[in-house]
C-alpha atoms as a PDB file:
ATOM      1  CA  MET A   1       0.000   0.000   0.000  1.00  0.00           C
ATOM      2  CA  THR A   2       1.403   3.382  -0.951  1.00  0.00           C
ATOM      3  CA  HIS A   3       1.385   6.324   1.426  1.00  0.00           C
ATOM      4  CA  ASP A   4      -1.096   8.128  -0.842  1.00  0.00           C
ATOM      5  CA  THR A   5      -3.472   5.181  -0.680  1.00  0.00           C
ATOM      6  CA  LEU A   6      -3.061   4.935   3.096  1.00  0.00           C
ATOM      7  CA  ALA A   7      -3.794   8.637   3.561  1.00  0.00           C
ATOM      8  CA  ASP A   8      -6.795   8.474   1.213  1.00  0.00           C
ATOM      9  CA  GLU A   9      -8.267   5.475   3.045  1.00  0.00           C
ATOM     10  CA  LEU A  10      -7.749   7.022   6.483  1.00  0.00           C
ATOM     11  CA  VAL A  11      -9.278  10.339   5.430  1.00  0.00           C
ATOM     12  CA  ALA A  12     -12.263   8.568   3.858  1.00  0.00           C
ATOM     13  CA  GLN A  13     -13.046   6.981   7.239  1.00  0.00           C
ATOM     14  CA  LEU A  14     -13.230  10.336   9.020  1.00  0.00           C
ATOM     15  CA  PRO A  15     -16.532  12.127   9.537  1.00  0.00           C
ATOM     16  CA  LEU A  16     -16.926  15.478   7.779  1.00  0.00           C
ATOM     17  CA  HIS A  17     -15.968  18.642   9.668  1.00  0.00           C
ATOM     18  CA  ARG A  18     -14.272  16.844  12.543  1.00  0.00           C
ATOM     19  CA  ASP A  19     -11.039  18.314  13.868  1.00  0.00           C
ATOM     20  CA  THR A  20      -8.385  15.608  13.469  1.00  0.00           C
ATOM     21  CA  ARG A  21      -4.761  15.514  14.626  1.00  0.00           C
ATOM     22  CA  TRP A  22      -2.363  12.896  13.342  1.00  0.00           C
ATOM     23  CA  THR A  23       1.163  12.132  14.499  1.00  0.00           C
ATOM     24  CA  ALA A  24       3.576   9.477  13.300  1.00  0.00           C
ATOM     25  CA  GLY A  25       3.013   7.606  16.561  1.00  0.00           C
ATOM     26  CA  SER A  26      -0.778   7.753  16.388  1.00  0.00           C
ATOM     27  CA  LEU A  27      -0.663   6.246  12.897  1.00  0.00           C
ATOM     28  CA  GLY A  28       2.137   3.787  13.694  1.00  0.00           C
ATOM     29  CA  LEU A  29       4.411   5.244  11.005  1.00  0.00           C
ATOM     30  CA  ASP A  30       8.080   6.153  10.866  1.00  0.00           C
ATOM     31  CA  GLU A  31       9.153   9.734  10.100  1.00  0.00           C
ATOM     32  CA  ALA A  32       9.545   9.238   6.349  1.00  0.00           C
ATOM     33  CA  ALA A  33       6.164   7.551   5.984  1.00  0.00           C
ATOM     34  CA  PHE A  34       4.476  10.222   8.087  1.00  0.00           C
ATOM     35  CA  ASP A  35       6.057  12.966   5.964  1.00  0.00           C
ATOM     36  CA  ALA A  36       4.639  11.257   2.857  1.00  0.00           C
ATOM     37  CA  VAL A  37       1.159  11.039   4.419  1.00  0.00           C
ATOM     38  CA  ALA A  38       1.337  14.715   5.413  1.00  0.00           C
ATOM     39  CA  GLN A  39       2.374  15.614   1.863  1.00  0.00           C
ATOM     40  CA  ARG A  40      -0.688  13.759   0.581  1.00  0.00           C
ATOM     41  CA  LEU A  41      -2.888  15.736   2.986  1.00  0.00           C
ATOM     42  CA  LEU A  42      -1.482  18.940   1.492  1.00  0.00           C
ATOM     43  CA  GLU A  43      -2.368  17.620  -1.977  1.00  0.00           C
ATOM     44  CA  LEU A  44      -5.881  16.797  -0.743  1.00  0.00           C
ATOM     45  CA  GLU A  45      -6.125  20.338   0.610  1.00  0.00           C
ATOM     46  CA  SER A  46      -5.319  21.682  -2.860  1.00  0.00           C
ATOM     47  CA  SER A  47      -8.175  19.641  -4.291  1.00  0.00           C
ATOM     48  CA  GLY A  48     -10.594  20.823  -1.587  1.00  0.00           C
ATOM     49  CA  ALA A  49     -11.005  17.509   0.250  1.00  0.00           C
ATOM     50  CA  VAL A  50      -9.427  18.612   3.540  1.00  0.00           C
ATOM     51  CA  ASP A  51      -8.558  21.851   5.289  1.00  0.00           C
ATOM     52  CA  VAL A  52      -5.106  21.704   6.902  1.00  0.00           C
ATOM     53  CA  MET A  53      -5.143  23.991   9.924  1.00  0.00           C
ATOM     54  CA  ASN A  54      -1.739  23.389  11.454  1.00  0.00           C
ATOM     55  CA  MET A  55       1.501  21.490  10.986  1.00  0.00           C
ATOM     56  CA  SER A  56       3.896  21.326  13.944  1.00  0.00           C
ATOM     57  CA  ARG A  57       7.584  20.852  13.416  1.00  0.00           C
ATOM     58  CA  ASP A  58      10.661  20.970  15.563  1.00  0.00           C
ATOM     59  CA  ALA A  59      14.293  21.293  14.717  1.00  0.00           C
ATOM     60  CA  SER A  60      17.044  19.048  15.948  1.00  0.00           C
ATOM     61  CA  HIS A  61      20.648  19.126  14.778  1.00  0.00           C
ATOM     62  CA  GLY A  62      19.721  21.369  11.864  1.00  0.00           C
ATOM     63  CA  LEU A  63      16.961  19.051  10.629  1.00  0.00           C
ATOM     64  CA  ARG A  64      13.277  19.955  10.694  1.00  0.00           C
ATOM     65  CA  ARG A  65      10.997  17.122  11.697  1.00  0.00           C
ATOM     66  CA  LEU A  66       7.240  17.058  11.287  1.00  0.00           C
ATOM     67  CA  ASN A  67       5.560  16.218  14.602  1.00  0.00           C
ATOM     68  CA  ALA A  68       1.855  16.526  13.876  1.00  0.00           C
ATOM     69  CA  ILE A  69      -0.690  17.700  11.354  1.00  0.00           C
ATOM     70  CA  ARG A  70      -4.139  18.997  12.277  1.00  0.00           C
ATOM     71  CA  PHE A  71      -6.887  19.105   9.660  1.00  0.00           C
ATOM     72  CA  THR A  72     -10.583  18.735   8.937  1.00  0.00           C
ATOM     73  CA  ARG A  73     -12.182  16.631   6.215  1.00  0.00           C
ATOM     74  CA  VAL A  74     -14.482  18.945   4.229  1.00  0.00           C
ATOM     75  CA  ALA A  75     -15.502  16.818   1.233  1.00  0.00           C
END
């Protein structure tokens, strides 16, 4: 299963207009996989399927790591 397919299936299971927060840990993903899922959410935002409200990152040793993404399914 690709990360796009995973993100699409997870989003499809969410009720409309419900505030949702995902982290790598809550989805059971490693950093790279979670980054790919978050990227797909940004693509879904461009198509009007979700509204991304917040992405939290932190920096460690010069690298920026995505911690969480908060969004709402709108379509």
